[in-house]
């Protein structure tokens, strides 16, 4: 069974609202819940919560991906605040600005970083 959303569009043509039922006083378009446009709308409206992992899980995941040395070099080159975060943090969060900054410097997208954190969270230590 296909799930549907009734969407209203803004002046620029992008989805401005989504409803489970059509709205009486609005022009609505019906889209399948799997439609990439409605999926993207909900991802923007309700971004996933960051994944938080222990220092050990994070470093084990980096080592497994052969990224630990590269991350350590990038942190050293980034300055005092990233160095403090790296050396003192008990946990690391996938959406933290410093994590995203270092990851981007290594060519990792936010989705790559999140995937790495999800793997770290599932890691058996």
PDB file of N, CA and C in Angstrom:
ATOM      1  N   UNK A   1       0.839  -1.185   0.000  1.00  0.00           N
ATOM      2  CA  UNK A   1       0.000   0.000   0.000  1.00  0.00           C
ATOM      3  C   UNK A   1       0.880   1.244   0.000  1.00  0.00           C
ATOM      4  N   UNK A   2       0.625   2.147  -0.903  1.00  0.00           N
ATOM      5  CA  UNK A   2       1.408   3.369  -1.015  1.00  0.00           C
ATOM      6  C   UNK A   2       0.829   4.443  -0.112  1.00  0.00           C
ATOM      7  N   UNK A   3       1.704   5.086   0.658  1.00  0.00           N
ATOM      8  CA  UNK A   3       1.283   6.222   1.481  1.00  0.00           C
ATOM      9  C   UNK A   3       1.397   7.479   0.634  1.00  0.00           C
ATOM     10  N   UNK A   4       0.488   8.414   0.890  1.00  0.00           N
ATOM     11  CA  UNK A   4       0.445   9.649   0.100  1.00  0.00           C
ATOM     12  C   UNK A   4       0.491  10.863   1.003  1.00  0.00           C
ATOM     13  N   UNK A   5       1.003  11.947   0.468  1.00  0.00           N
ATOM     14  CA  UNK A   5       0.967  13.261   1.120  1.00  0.00           C
ATOM     15  C   UNK A   5       0.346  14.249   0.152  1.00  0.00           C
ATOM     16  N   UNK A   6      -0.429  15.148   0.700  1.00  0.00           N
ATOM     17  CA  UNK A   6      -1.000  16.231  -0.082  1.00  0.00           C
ATOM     18  C   UNK A   6      -0.150  17.459   0.208  1.00  0.00           C
ATOM     19  N   UNK A   7       0.421  18.030  -0.848  1.00  0.00           N
ATOM     20  CA  UNK A   7       1.370  19.122  -0.656  1.00  0.00           C
ATOM     21  C   UNK A   7       0.857  20.417  -1.254  1.00  0.00           C
ATOM     22  N   UNK A   8       1.230  21.499  -0.592  1.00  0.00           N
ATOM     23  CA  UNK A   8       0.998  22.835  -1.108  1.00  0.00           C
ATOM     24  C   UNK A   8       2.338  23.396  -1.541  1.00  0.00           C
ATOM     25  N   UNK A   9       2.344  24.168  -2.577  1.00  0.00           N
ATOM     26  CA  UNK A   9       3.600  24.705  -3.104  1.00  0.00           C
ATOM     27  C   UNK A   9       3.678  26.204  -2.875  1.00  0.00           C
ATOM     28  N   UNK A  10       4.912  26.680  -2.669  1.00  0.00           N
ATOM     29  CA  UNK A  10       5.172  28.098  -2.522  1.00  0.00           C
ATOM     30  C   UNK A  10       5.273  28.765  -3.882  1.00  0.00           C
ATOM     31  N   UNK A  11       5.478  30.075  -3.874  1.00  0.00           N
ATOM     32  CA  UNK A  11       5.564  30.845  -5.107  1.00  0.00           C
ATOM     33  C   UNK A  11       6.710  30.368  -6.002  1.00  0.00           C
ATOM     34  N   UNK A  12       7.756  29.833  -5.402  1.00  0.00           N
ATOM     35  CA  UNK A  12       8.902  29.367  -6.184  1.00  0.00           C
ATOM     36  C   UNK A  12       8.729  27.937  -6.704  1.00  0.00           C
ATOM     37  N   UNK A  13       7.598  27.310  -6.384  1.00  0.00           N
ATOM     38  CA  UNK A  13       7.318  25.967  -6.864  1.00  0.00           C
ATOM     39  C   UNK A  13       7.776  24.855  -5.929  1.00  0.00           C
ATOM     40  N   UNK A  14       8.481  25.212  -4.857  1.00  0.00           N
ATOM     41  CA  UNK A  14       8.930  24.183  -3.921  1.00  0.00           C
ATOM     42  C   UNK A  14       7.803  23.839  -2.950  1.00  0.00           C
ATOM     43  N   UNK A  15       7.897  22.682  -2.326  1.00  0.00           N
ATOM     44  CA  UNK A  15       6.880  22.263  -1.364  1.00  0.00           C
ATOM     45  C   UNK A  15       6.950  23.189  -0.151  1.00  0.00           C
ATOM     46  N   UNK A  16       5.803  23.751   0.207  1.00  0.00           N
ATOM     47  CA  UNK A  16       5.721  24.654   1.358  1.00  0.00           C
ATOM     48  C   UNK A  16       5.012  24.002   2.535  1.00  0.00           C
ATOM     49  N   UNK A  17       4.159  23.001   2.267  1.00  0.00           N
ATOM     50  CA  UNK A  17       3.448  22.314   3.345  1.00  0.00           C
ATOM     51  C   UNK A  17       3.084  20.914   2.868  1.00  0.00           C
ATOM     52  N   UNK A  18       2.908  20.020   3.854  1.00  0.00           N
ATOM     53  CA  UNK A  18       2.511  18.647   3.545  1.00  0.00           C
ATOM     54  C   UNK A  18       1.465  18.217   4.562  1.00  0.00           C
ATOM     55  N   UNK A  19       0.423  17.555   4.081  1.00  0.00           N
ATOM     56  CA  UNK A  19      -0.699  17.160   4.933  1.00  0.00           C
ATOM     57  C   UNK A  19      -1.120  15.733   4.588  1.00  0.00           C
ATOM     58  N   UNK A  20      -1.647  15.041   5.577  1.00  0.00           N
ATOM     59  CA  UNK A  20      -2.139  13.687   5.339  1.00  0.00           C
ATOM     60  C   UNK A  20      -3.466  13.691   4.594  1.00  0.00           C
ATOM     61  N   UNK A  21      -4.206  14.778   4.714  1.00  0.00           N
ATOM     62  CA  UNK A  21      -5.487  14.939   4.025  1.00  0.00           C
ATOM     63  C   UNK A  21      -5.449  16.237   3.217  1.00  0.00           C
ATOM     64  N   UNK A  22      -6.186  16.307   2.097  1.00  0.00           N
ATOM     65  CA  UNK A  22      -6.203  17.567   1.338  1.00  0.00           C
ATOM     66  C   UNK A  22      -6.841  18.687   2.157  1.00  0.00           C
ATOM     67  N   UNK A  23      -6.336  19.881   1.987  1.00  0.00           N
ATOM     68  CA  UNK A  23      -6.867  21.047   2.690  1.00  0.00           C
ATOM     69  C   UNK A  23      -7.919  21.709   1.802  1.00  0.00           C
ATOM     70  N   UNK A  24      -9.028  22.109   2.398  1.00  0.00           N
ATOM     71  CA  UNK A  24     -10.162  22.616   1.621  1.00  0.00           C
ATOM     72  C   UNK A  24      -9.847  23.877   0.822  1.00  0.00           C
ATOM     73  N   UNK A  25      -9.190  24.838   1.430  1.00  0.00           N
ATOM     74  CA  UNK A  25      -8.986  26.133   0.784  1.00  0.00           C
ATOM     75  C   UNK A  25      -7.614  26.276   0.134  1.00  0.00           C
ATOM     76  N   UNK A  26      -7.017  25.184  -0.266  1.00  0.00           N
ATOM     77  CA  UNK A  26      -5.677  25.258  -0.838  1.00  0.00           C
ATOM     78  C   UNK A  26      -5.560  24.334  -2.039  1.00  0.00           C
ATOM     79  N   UNK A  27      -4.783  24.781  -2.996  1.00  0.00           N
ATOM     80  CA  UNK A  27      -4.484  23.916  -4.136  1.00  0.00           C
ATOM     81  C   UNK A  27      -3.492  22.864  -3.646  1.00  0.00           C
ATOM     82  N   UNK A  28      -3.847  21.612  -3.806  1.00  0.00           N
ATOM     83  CA  UNK A  28      -3.016  20.531  -3.286  1.00  0.00           C
ATOM     84  C   UNK A  28      -2.633  19.589  -4.421  1.00  0.00           C
ATOM     85  N   UNK A  29      -1.491  19.017  -4.251  1.00  0.00           N
ATOM     86  CA  UNK A  29      -0.984  18.022  -5.191  1.00  0.00           C
ATOM     87  C   UNK A  29      -0.681  16.767  -4.378  1.00  0.00           C
ATOM     88  N   UNK A  30      -0.998  15.618  -4.916  1.00  0.00           N
ATOM     89  CA  UNK A  30      -0.766  14.369  -4.196  1.00  0.00           C
ATOM     90  C   UNK A  30       0.562  13.760  -4.641  1.00  0.00           C
ATOM     91  N   UNK A  31       1.429  13.471  -3.650  1.00  0.00           N
ATOM     92  CA  UNK A  31       2.724  12.840  -3.914  1.00  0.00           C
ATOM     93  C   UNK A  31       2.867  11.587  -3.074  1.00  0.00           C
ATOM     94  N   UNK A  32       3.490  10.573  -3.633  1.00  0.00           N
ATOM     95  CA  UNK A  32       3.788   9.361  -2.872  1.00  0.00           C
ATOM     96  C   UNK A  32       4.800   9.702  -1.783  1.00  0.00           C
ATOM     97  N   UNK A  33       4.677   9.037  -0.643  1.00  0.00           N
ATOM     98  CA  UNK A  33       5.596   9.278   0.466  1.00  0.00           C
ATOM     99  C   UNK A  33       7.038   8.983   0.076  1.00  0.00           C
ATOM    100  N   UNK A  34       7.247   8.148  -0.914  1.00  0.00           N
ATOM    101  CA  UNK A  34       8.600   7.808  -1.359  1.00  0.00           C
ATOM    102  C   UNK A  34       9.150   8.767  -2.408  1.00  0.00           C
ATOM    103  N   UNK A  35       8.345   9.715  -2.859  1.00  0.00           N
ATOM    104  CA  UNK A  35       8.792  10.677  -3.864  1.00  0.00           C
ATOM    105  C   UNK A  35       9.999  11.446  -3.326  1.00  0.00           C
ATOM    106  N   UNK A  36      11.088  11.542  -4.086  1.00  0.00           N
ATOM    107  CA  UNK A  36      12.296  12.220  -3.593  1.00  0.00           C
ATOM    108  C   UNK A  36      12.054  13.657  -3.129  1.00  0.00           C
ATOM    109  N   UNK A  37      11.112  14.338  -3.760  1.00  0.00           N
ATOM    110  CA  UNK A  37      10.836  15.727  -3.380  1.00  0.00           C
ATOM    111  C   UNK A  37      10.197  15.814  -1.992  1.00  0.00           C
ATOM    112  N   UNK A  38       9.273  14.898  -1.675  1.00  0.00           N
ATOM    113  CA  UNK A  38       8.637  14.922  -0.352  1.00  0.00           C
ATOM    114  C   UNK A  38       9.614  14.411   0.707  1.00  0.00           C
ATOM    115  N   UNK A  39      10.446  13.439   0.351  1.00  0.00           N
ATOM    116  CA  UNK A  39      11.474  12.957   1.282  1.00  0.00           C
ATOM    117  C   UNK A  39      12.416  14.106   1.647  1.00  0.00           C
ATOM    118  N   UNK A  40      12.870  14.859   0.643  1.00  0.00           N
ATOM    119  CA  UNK A  40      13.770  15.998   0.886  1.00  0.00           C
ATOM    120  C   UNK A  40      13.078  17.069   1.731  1.00  0.00           C
ATOM    121  N   UNK A  41      11.793  17.309   1.490  1.00  0.00           N
ATOM    122  CA  UNK A  41      11.048  18.294   2.278  1.00  0.00           C
ATOM    123  C   UNK A  41      11.060  17.918   3.758  1.00  0.00           C
ATOM    124  N   UNK A  42      10.760  16.654   4.050  1.00  0.00           N
ATOM    125  CA  UNK A  42      10.729  16.220   5.451  1.00  0.00           C
ATOM    126  C   UNK A  42      12.122  16.199   6.073  1.00  0.00           C
ATOM    127  N   UNK A  43      13.132  15.894   5.285  1.00  0.00           N
ATOM    128  CA  UNK A  43      14.495  15.927   5.828  1.00  0.00           C
ATOM    129  C   UNK A  43      14.894  17.351   6.201  1.00  0.00           C
ATOM    130  N   UNK A  44      14.455  18.334   5.417  1.00  0.00           N
ATOM    131  CA  UNK A  44      14.735  19.743   5.762  1.00  0.00           C
ATOM    132  C   UNK A  44      13.906  20.172   6.966  1.00  0.00           C
ATOM    133  N   UNK A  45      12.648  19.771   6.991  1.00  0.00           N
ATOM    134  CA  UNK A  45      11.750  20.192   8.071  1.00  0.00           C
ATOM    135  C   UNK A  45      12.086  19.507   9.395  1.00  0.00           C
ATOM    136  N   UNK A  46      12.526  18.268   9.326  1.00  0.00           N
ATOM    137  CA  UNK A  46      12.824  17.485  10.531  1.00  0.00           C
ATOM    138  C   UNK A  46      14.170  16.795  10.373  1.00  0.00           C
ATOM    139  N   UNK A  47      15.249  17.572  10.470  1.00  0.00           N
ATOM    140  CA  UNK A  47      16.560  16.942  10.302  1.00  0.00           C
ATOM    141  C   UNK A  47      16.794  15.892  11.385  1.00  0.00           C
ATOM    142  N   UNK A  48      17.540  14.843  11.038  1.00  0.00           N
ATOM    143  CA  UNK A  48      17.781  13.798  12.034  1.00  0.00           C
ATOM    144  C   UNK A  48      18.604  14.333  13.206  1.00  0.00           C
ATOM    145  N   UNK A  49      18.338  13.794  14.380  1.00  0.00           N
ATOM    146  CA  UNK A  49      19.109  14.185  15.560  1.00  0.00           C
ATOM    147  C   UNK A  49      20.540  13.689  15.386  1.00  0.00           C
ATOM    148  N   UNK A  50      21.509  14.469  15.881  1.00  0.00           N
ATOM    149  CA  UNK A  50      22.897  14.011  15.785  1.00  0.00           C
ATOM    150  C   UNK A  50      23.098  12.696  16.536  1.00  0.00           C
ATOM    151  N   UNK A  51      24.077  11.941  16.095  1.00  0.00           N
ATOM    152  CA  UNK A  51      24.446  10.694  16.753  1.00  0.00           C
ATOM    153  C   UNK A  51      25.627  11.003  17.667  1.00  0.00           C
ATOM    154  N   UNK A  52      25.534  10.594  18.927  1.00  0.00           N
ATOM    155  CA  UNK A  52      26.602  10.807  19.892  1.00  0.00           C
ATOM    156  C   UNK A  52      27.224   9.469  20.246  1.00  0.00           C
ATOM    157  N   UNK A  53      28.550   9.426  20.202  1.00  0.00           N
ATOM    158  CA  UNK A  53      29.261   8.190  20.535  1.00  0.00           C
ATOM    159  C   UNK A  53      30.411   8.486  21.488  1.00  0.00           C
ATOM    160  N   UNK A  54      30.826   7.472  22.200  1.00  0.00           N
ATOM    161  CA  UNK A  54      31.954   7.619  23.124  1.00  0.00           C
ATOM    162  C   UNK A  54      33.241   7.857  22.340  1.00  0.00           C
ATOM    163  N   UNK A  55      34.197   8.414  23.023  1.00  0.00           N
ATOM    164  CA  UNK A  55      35.516   8.660  22.455  1.00  0.00           C
ATOM    165  C   UNK A  55      36.103   7.355  21.890  1.00  0.00           C
ATOM    166  N   UNK A  56      36.002   6.254  22.664  1.00  0.00           N
ATOM    167  CA  UNK A  56      36.557   4.972  22.235  1.00  0.00           C
ATOM    168  C   UNK A  56      35.879   4.475  20.963  1.00  0.00           C
ATOM    169  N   UNK A  57      34.560   4.466  20.945  1.00  0.00           N
ATOM    170  CA  UNK A  57      33.836   3.987  19.749  1.00  0.00           C
ATOM    171  C   UNK A  57      34.213   4.809  18.512  1.00  0.00           C
ATOM    172  N   UNK A  58      34.305   6.127  18.697  1.00  0.00           N
ATOM    173  CA  UNK A  58      34.638   7.002  17.571  1.00  0.00           C
ATOM    174  C   UNK A  58      36.034   6.696  17.038  1.00  0.00           C
ATOM    175  N   UNK A  59      37.000   6.569  17.939  1.00  0.00           N
ATOM    176  CA  UNK A  59      38.375   6.316  17.495  1.00  0.00           C
ATOM    177  C   UNK A  59      38.521   4.916  16.897  1.00  0.00           C
ATOM    178  N   UNK A  60      37.811   3.946  17.432  1.00  0.00           N
ATOM    179  CA  UNK A  60      37.840   2.608  16.834  1.00  0.00           C
ATOM    180  C   UNK A  60      37.264   2.623  15.418  1.00  0.00           C
ATOM    181  N   UNK A  61      36.188   3.377  15.234  1.00  0.00           N
ATOM    182  CA  UNK A  61      35.583   3.467  13.897  1.00  0.00           C
ATOM    183  C   UNK A  61      36.538   4.167  12.927  1.00  0.00           C
ATOM    184  N   UNK A  62      37.166   5.243  13.379  1.00  0.00           N
ATOM    185  CA  UNK A  62      38.143   5.927  12.528  1.00  0.00           C
ATOM    186  C   UNK A  62      39.284   4.986  12.154  1.00  0.00           C
ATOM    187  N   UNK A  63      39.780   4.219  13.120  1.00  0.00           N
ATOM    188  CA  UNK A  63      40.865   3.275  12.851  1.00  0.00           C
ATOM    189  C   UNK A  63      40.422   2.210  11.847  1.00  0.00           C
ATOM    190  N   UNK A  64      39.205   1.703  12.007  1.00  0.00           N
ATOM    191  CA  UNK A  64      38.689   0.680  11.098  1.00  0.00           C
ATOM    192  C   UNK A  64      38.569   1.205   9.669  1.00  0.00           C
ATOM    193  N   UNK A  65      38.335   2.500   9.545  1.00  0.00           N
ATOM    194  CA  UNK A  65      38.211   3.121   8.218  1.00  0.00           C
ATOM    195  C   UNK A  65      39.539   3.707   7.737  1.00  0.00           C
ATOM    196  N   UNK A  66      40.598   3.449   8.490  1.00  0.00           N
ATOM    197  CA  UNK A  66      41.932   3.961   8.174  1.00  0.00           C
ATOM    198  C   UNK A  66      41.952   5.495   8.086  1.00  0.00           C
ATOM    199  N   UNK A  67      41.203   6.133   9.000  1.00  0.00           N
ATOM    200  CA  UNK A  67      41.123   7.597   9.030  1.00  0.00           C
ATOM    201  C   UNK A  67      41.719   8.207  10.296  1.00  0.00           C
ATOM    202  N   UNK A  68      42.097   7.399  11.268  1.00  0.00           N
ATOM    203  CA  UNK A  68      42.541   7.938  12.550  1.00  0.00           C
ATOM    204  C   UNK A  68      43.744   8.866  12.402  1.00  0.00           C
ATOM    205  N   UNK A  69      44.772   8.452  11.693  1.00  0.00           N
ATOM    206  CA  UNK A  69      45.970   9.287  11.526  1.00  0.00           C
ATOM    207  C   UNK A  69      45.636  10.569  10.765  1.00  0.00           C
ATOM    208  N   UNK A  70      44.802  10.470   9.748  1.00  0.00           N
ATOM    209  CA  UNK A  70      44.425  11.664   8.968  1.00  0.00           C
ATOM    210  C   UNK A  70      43.647  12.657   9.821  1.00  0.00           C
ATOM    211  N   UNK A  71      42.738  12.156  10.658  1.00  0.00           N
ATOM    212  CA  UNK A  71      41.967  13.042  11.536  1.00  0.00           C
ATOM    213  C   UNK A  71      42.899  13.705  12.542  1.00  0.00           C
ATOM    214  N   UNK A  72      43.806  12.936  13.126  1.00  0.00           N
ATOM    215  CA  UNK A  72      44.731  13.507  14.105  1.00  0.00           C
ATOM    216  C   UNK A  72      45.602  14.595  13.478  1.00  0.00           C
ATOM    217  N   UNK A  73      46.056  14.385  12.248  1.00  0.00           N
ATOM    218  CA  UNK A  73      46.839  15.411  11.548  1.00  0.00           C
ATOM    219  C   UNK A  73      45.992  16.646  11.274  1.00  0.00           C
ATOM    220  N   UNK A  74      44.762  16.458  10.836  1.00  0.00           N
ATOM    221  CA  UNK A  74      43.872  17.586  10.542  1.00  0.00           C
ATOM    222  C   UNK A  74      43.569  18.375  11.805  1.00  0.00           C
ATOM    223  N   UNK A  75      43.368  17.689  12.917  1.00  0.00           N
ATOM    224  CA  UNK A  75      43.096  18.361  14.196  1.00  0.00           C
ATOM    225  C   UNK A  75      44.306  19.196  14.604  1.00  0.00           C
ATOM    226  N   UNK A  76      45.493  18.651  14.492  1.00  0.00           N
ATOM    227  CA  UNK A  76      46.706  19.390  14.862  1.00  0.00           C
ATOM    228  C   UNK A  76      46.860  20.649  14.012  1.00  0.00           C
ATOM    229  N   UNK A  77      46.508  20.556  12.746  1.00  0.00           N
ATOM    230  CA  UNK A  77      46.631  21.698  11.845  1.00  0.00           C
ATOM    231  C   UNK A  77      45.525  22.732  12.050  1.00  0.00           C
ATOM    232  N   UNK A  78      44.438  22.345  12.705  1.00  0.00           N
ATOM    233  CA  UNK A  78      43.265  23.217  12.830  1.00  0.00           C
ATOM    234  C   UNK A  78      43.354  24.236  13.960  1.00  0.00           C
ATOM    235  N   UNK A  79      44.250  24.053  14.906  1.00  0.00           N
ATOM    236  CA  UNK A  79      44.405  25.048  15.965  1.00  0.00           C
ATOM    237  C   UNK A  79      44.008  24.560  17.339  1.00  0.00           C
ATOM    238  N   UNK A  80      44.049  25.496  18.291  1.00  0.00           N
ATOM    239  CA  UNK A  80      43.895  25.168  19.712  1.00  0.00           C
ATOM    240  C   UNK A  80      42.522  24.605  20.075  1.00  0.00           C
ATOM    241  N   UNK A  81      41.445  25.203  19.598  1.00  0.00           N
ATOM    242  CA  UNK A  81      40.109  24.743  19.996  1.00  0.00           C
ATOM    243  C   UNK A  81      39.835  23.325  19.494  1.00  0.00           C
ATOM    244  N   UNK A  82      40.077  23.018  18.217  1.00  0.00           N
ATOM    245  CA  UNK A  82      39.883  21.631  17.791  1.00  0.00           C
ATOM    246  C   UNK A  82      40.795  20.655  18.539  1.00  0.00           C
ATOM    247  N   UNK A  83      42.010  21.077  18.858  1.00  0.00           N
ATOM    248  CA  UNK A  83      42.917  20.213  19.606  1.00  0.00           C
ATOM    249  C   UNK A  83      42.373  19.918  21.001  1.00  0.00           C
ATOM    250  N   UNK A  84      41.832  20.928  21.664  1.00  0.00           N
ATOM    251  CA  UNK A  84      41.226  20.716  22.988  1.00  0.00           C
ATOM    252  C   UNK A  84      40.022  19.791  22.895  1.00  0.00           C
ATOM    253  N   UNK A  85      39.181  20.032  21.907  1.00  0.00           N
ATOM    254  CA  UNK A  85      38.004  19.185  21.716  1.00  0.00           C
ATOM    255  C   UNK A  85      38.438  17.735  21.506  1.00  0.00           C
ATOM    256  N   UNK A  86      39.419  17.519  20.648  1.00  0.00           N
ATOM    257  CA  UNK A  86      39.897  16.172  20.340  1.00  0.00           C
ATOM    258  C   UNK A  86      40.497  15.494  21.564  1.00  0.00           C
ATOM    259  N   UNK A  87      41.260  16.234  22.338  1.00  0.00           N
ATOM    260  CA  UNK A  87      41.965  15.619  23.464  1.00  0.00           C
ATOM    261  C   UNK A  87      41.118  15.498  24.731  1.00  0.00           C
ATOM    262  N   UNK A  88      40.092  16.334  24.889  1.00  0.00           N
ATOM    263  CA  UNK A  88      39.343  16.368  26.143  1.00  0.00           C
ATOM    264  C   UNK A  88      37.911  15.846  26.065  1.00  0.00           C
ATOM    265  N   UNK A  89      37.340  15.772  24.895  1.00  0.00           N
ATOM    266  CA  UNK A  89      35.936  15.350  24.780  1.00  0.00           C
ATOM    267  C   UNK A  89      35.770  13.895  25.226  1.00  0.00           C
ATOM    268  N   UNK A  90      34.712  13.646  25.967  1.00  0.00           N
ATOM    269  CA  UNK A  90      34.376  12.292  26.389  1.00  0.00           C
ATOM    270  C   UNK A  90      33.531  11.614  25.319  1.00  0.00           C
ATOM    271  N   UNK A  91      32.731  12.417  24.635  1.00  0.00           N
ATOM    272  CA  UNK A  91      31.869  11.938  23.557  1.00  0.00           C
ATOM    273  C   UNK A  91      32.042  12.861  22.354  1.00  0.00           C
ATOM    274  N   UNK A  92      31.710  12.331  21.183  1.00  0.00           N
ATOM    275  CA  UNK A  92      31.721  13.111  19.957  1.00  0.00           C
ATOM    276  C   UNK A  92      30.337  13.042  19.336  1.00  0.00           C
ATOM    277  N   UNK A  93      29.927  14.148  18.727  1.00  0.00           N
ATOM    278  CA  UNK A  93      28.589  14.262  18.142  1.00  0.00           C
ATOM    279  C   UNK A  93      28.702  14.493  16.639  1.00  0.00           C
ATOM    280  N   UNK A  94      27.904  13.761  15.874  1.00  0.00           N
ATOM    281  CA  UNK A  94      27.992  13.814  14.412  1.00  0.00           C
ATOM    282  C   UNK A  94      27.715  15.194  13.826  1.00  0.00           C
ATOM    283  N   UNK A  95      26.913  16.000  14.504  1.00  0.00           N
ATOM    284  CA  UNK A  95      26.570  17.311  13.960  1.00  0.00           C
ATOM    285  C   UNK A  95      27.380  18.450  14.541  1.00  0.00           C
ATOM    286  N   UNK A  96      28.378  18.162  15.356  1.00  0.00           N
ATOM    287  CA  UNK A  96      29.174  19.222  15.978  1.00  0.00           C
ATOM    288  C   UNK A  96      29.954  19.960  14.895  1.00  0.00           C
ATOM    289  N   UNK A  97      29.989  21.299  14.962  1.00  0.00           N
ATOM    290  CA  UNK A  97      30.675  22.083  13.923  1.00  0.00           C
ATOM    291  C   UNK A  97      32.137  21.689  13.712  1.00  0.00           C
ATOM    292  N   UNK A  98      32.854  21.368  14.772  1.00  0.00           N
ATOM    293  CA  UNK A  98      34.257  20.978  14.597  1.00  0.00           C
ATOM    294  C   UNK A  98      34.378  19.618  13.916  1.00  0.00           C
ATOM    295  N   UNK A  99      33.480  18.706  14.232  1.00  0.00           N
ATOM    296  CA  UNK A  99      33.474  17.393  13.568  1.00  0.00           C
ATOM    297  C   UNK A  99      33.194  17.583  12.083  1.00  0.00           C
ATOM    298  N   UNK A 100      32.209  18.412  11.766  1.00  0.00           N
ATOM    299  CA  UNK A 100      31.865  18.666  10.366  1.00  0.00           C
ATOM    300  C   UNK A 100      33.012  19.368   9.644  1.00  0.00           C
ATOM    301  N   UNK A 101      33.689  20.289  10.319  1.00  0.00           N
ATOM    302  CA  UNK A 101      34.812  21.022   9.728  1.00  0.00           C
ATOM    303  C   UNK A 101      35.975  20.078   9.397  1.00  0.00           C
ATOM    304  N   UNK A 102      36.361  19.271  10.362  1.00  0.00           N
ATOM    305  CA  UNK A 102      37.464  18.334  10.135  1.00  0.00           C
ATOM    306  C   UNK A 102      37.071  17.311   9.069  1.00  0.00           C
ATOM    307  N   UNK A 103      35.841  16.809   9.155  1.00  0.00           N
ATOM    308  CA  UNK A 103      35.374  15.847   8.154  1.00  0.00           C
ATOM    309  C   UNK A 103      35.386  16.426   6.752  1.00  0.00           C
ATOM    310  N   UNK A 104      34.913  17.659   6.608  1.00  0.00           N
ATOM    311  CA  UNK A 104      34.902  18.314   5.293  1.00  0.00           C
ATOM    312  C   UNK A 104      36.323  18.468   4.758  1.00  0.00           C
ATOM    313  N   UNK A 105      37.252  18.794   5.655  1.00  0.00           N
ATOM    314  CA  UNK A 105      38.647  18.919   5.252  1.00  0.00           C
ATOM    315  C   UNK A 105      39.230  17.609   4.741  1.00  0.00           C
ATOM    316  N   UNK A 106      38.643  16.504   5.149  1.00  0.00           N
ATOM    317  CA  UNK A 106      39.083  15.183   4.689  1.00  0.00           C
ATOM    318  C   UNK A 106      38.238  14.670   3.522  1.00  0.00           C
ATOM    319  N   UNK A 107      37.338  15.527   3.022  1.00  0.00           N
ATOM    320  CA  UNK A 107      36.510  15.148   1.884  1.00  0.00           C
ATOM    321  C   UNK A 107      35.265  14.357   2.245  1.00  0.00           C
ATOM    322  N   UNK A 108      34.865  14.403   3.530  1.00  0.00           N
ATOM    323  CA  UNK A 108      33.668  13.676   3.967  1.00  0.00           C
ATOM    324  C   UNK A 108      32.458  14.606   3.962  1.00  0.00           C
ATOM    325  N   UNK A 109      31.359  14.128   3.442  1.00  0.00           N
ATOM    326  CA  UNK A 109      30.110  14.893   3.466  1.00  0.00           C
ATOM    327  C   UNK A 109      29.442  14.706   4.829  1.00  0.00           C
ATOM    328  N   UNK A 110      28.470  15.572   5.182  1.00  0.00           N
ATOM    329  CA  UNK A 110      27.710  15.344   6.416  1.00  0.00           C
ATOM    330  C   UNK A 110      27.060  13.956   6.451  1.00  0.00           C
ATOM    331  N   UNK A 111      26.611  13.458   5.305  1.00  0.00           N
ATOM    332  CA  UNK A 111      26.015  12.113   5.255  1.00  0.00           C
ATOM    333  C   UNK A 111      27.070  11.042   5.526  1.00  0.00           C
ATOM    334  N   UNK A 112      28.294  11.230   5.003  1.00  0.00           N
ATOM    335  CA  UNK A 112      29.384  10.287   5.279  1.00  0.00           C
ATOM    336  C   UNK A 112      29.691  10.262   6.773  1.00  0.00           C
ATOM    337  N   UNK A 113      29.728  11.444   7.375  1.00  0.00           N
ATOM    338  CA  UNK A 113      30.043  11.561   8.803  1.00  0.00           C
ATOM    339  C   UNK A 113      28.957  10.884   9.625  1.00  0.00           C
ATOM    340  N   UNK A 114      27.703  11.139   9.285  1.00  0.00           N
ATOM    341  CA  UNK A 114      26.603  10.517  10.022  1.00  0.00           C
ATOM    342  C   UNK A 114      26.674   8.993   9.912  1.00  0.00           C
ATOM    343  N   UNK A 115      26.943   8.497   8.729  1.00  0.00           N
ATOM    344  CA  UNK A 115      27.056   7.054   8.524  1.00  0.00           C
ATOM    345  C   UNK A 115      28.180   6.477   9.394  1.00  0.00           C
ATOM    346  N   UNK A 116      29.287   7.187   9.458  1.00  0.00           N
ATOM    347  CA  UNK A 116      30.405   6.736  10.284  1.00  0.00           C
ATOM    348  C   UNK A 116      30.008   6.700  11.754  1.00  0.00           C
ATOM    349  N   UNK A 117      29.282   7.718  12.211  1.00  0.00           N
ATOM    350  CA  UNK A 117      28.834   7.765  13.606  1.00  0.00           C
ATOM    351  C   UNK A 117      27.818   6.662  13.893  1.00  0.00           C
ATOM    352  N   UNK A 118      26.929   6.382  12.944  1.00  0.00           N
ATOM    353  CA  UNK A 118      25.963   5.302  13.139  1.00  0.00           C
ATOM    354  C   UNK A 118      26.679   3.963  13.254  1.00  0.00           C
ATOM    355  N   UNK A 119      27.712   3.764  12.439  1.00  0.00           N
ATOM    356  CA  UNK A 119      28.509   2.534  12.544  1.00  0.00           C
ATOM    357  C   UNK A 119      29.233   2.474  13.869  1.00  0.00           C
ATOM    358  N   UNK A 120      29.784   3.606  14.307  1.00  0.00           N
ATOM    359  CA  UNK A 120      30.478   3.647  15.603  1.00  0.00           C
ATOM    360  C   UNK A 120      29.520   3.326  16.750  1.00  0.00           C
ATOM    361  N   UNK A 121      28.299   3.854  16.659  1.00  0.00           N
ATOM    362  CA  UNK A 121      27.307   3.613  17.717  1.00  0.00           C
ATOM    363  C   UNK A 121      26.928   2.138  17.802  1.00  0.00           C
ATOM    364  N   UNK A 122      26.942   1.453  16.679  1.00  0.00           N
ATOM    365  CA  UNK A 122      26.565   0.037  16.641  1.00  0.00           C
ATOM    366  C   UNK A 122      27.752  -0.882  16.940  1.00  0.00           C
ATOM    367  N   UNK A 123      28.923  -0.311  17.012  1.00  0.00           N
ATOM    368  CA  UNK A 123      30.163  -1.091  17.226  1.00  0.00           C
ATOM    369  C   UNK A 123      30.131  -1.801  18.573  1.00  0.00           C
ATOM    370  N   UNK A 124      30.540  -3.038  18.564  1.00  0.00           N
ATOM    371  CA  UNK A 124      30.661  -3.813  19.783  1.00  0.00           C
ATOM    372  C   UNK A 124      32.069  -3.578  20.352  1.00  0.00           C
ATOM    373  N   UNK A 125      32.153  -2.956  21.528  1.00  0.00           N
ATOM    374  CA  UNK A 125      33.472  -2.673  22.124  1.00  0.00           C
ATOM    375  C   UNK A 125      33.706  -3.484  23.362  1.00  0.00           C
TER     376      UNK A 125
END
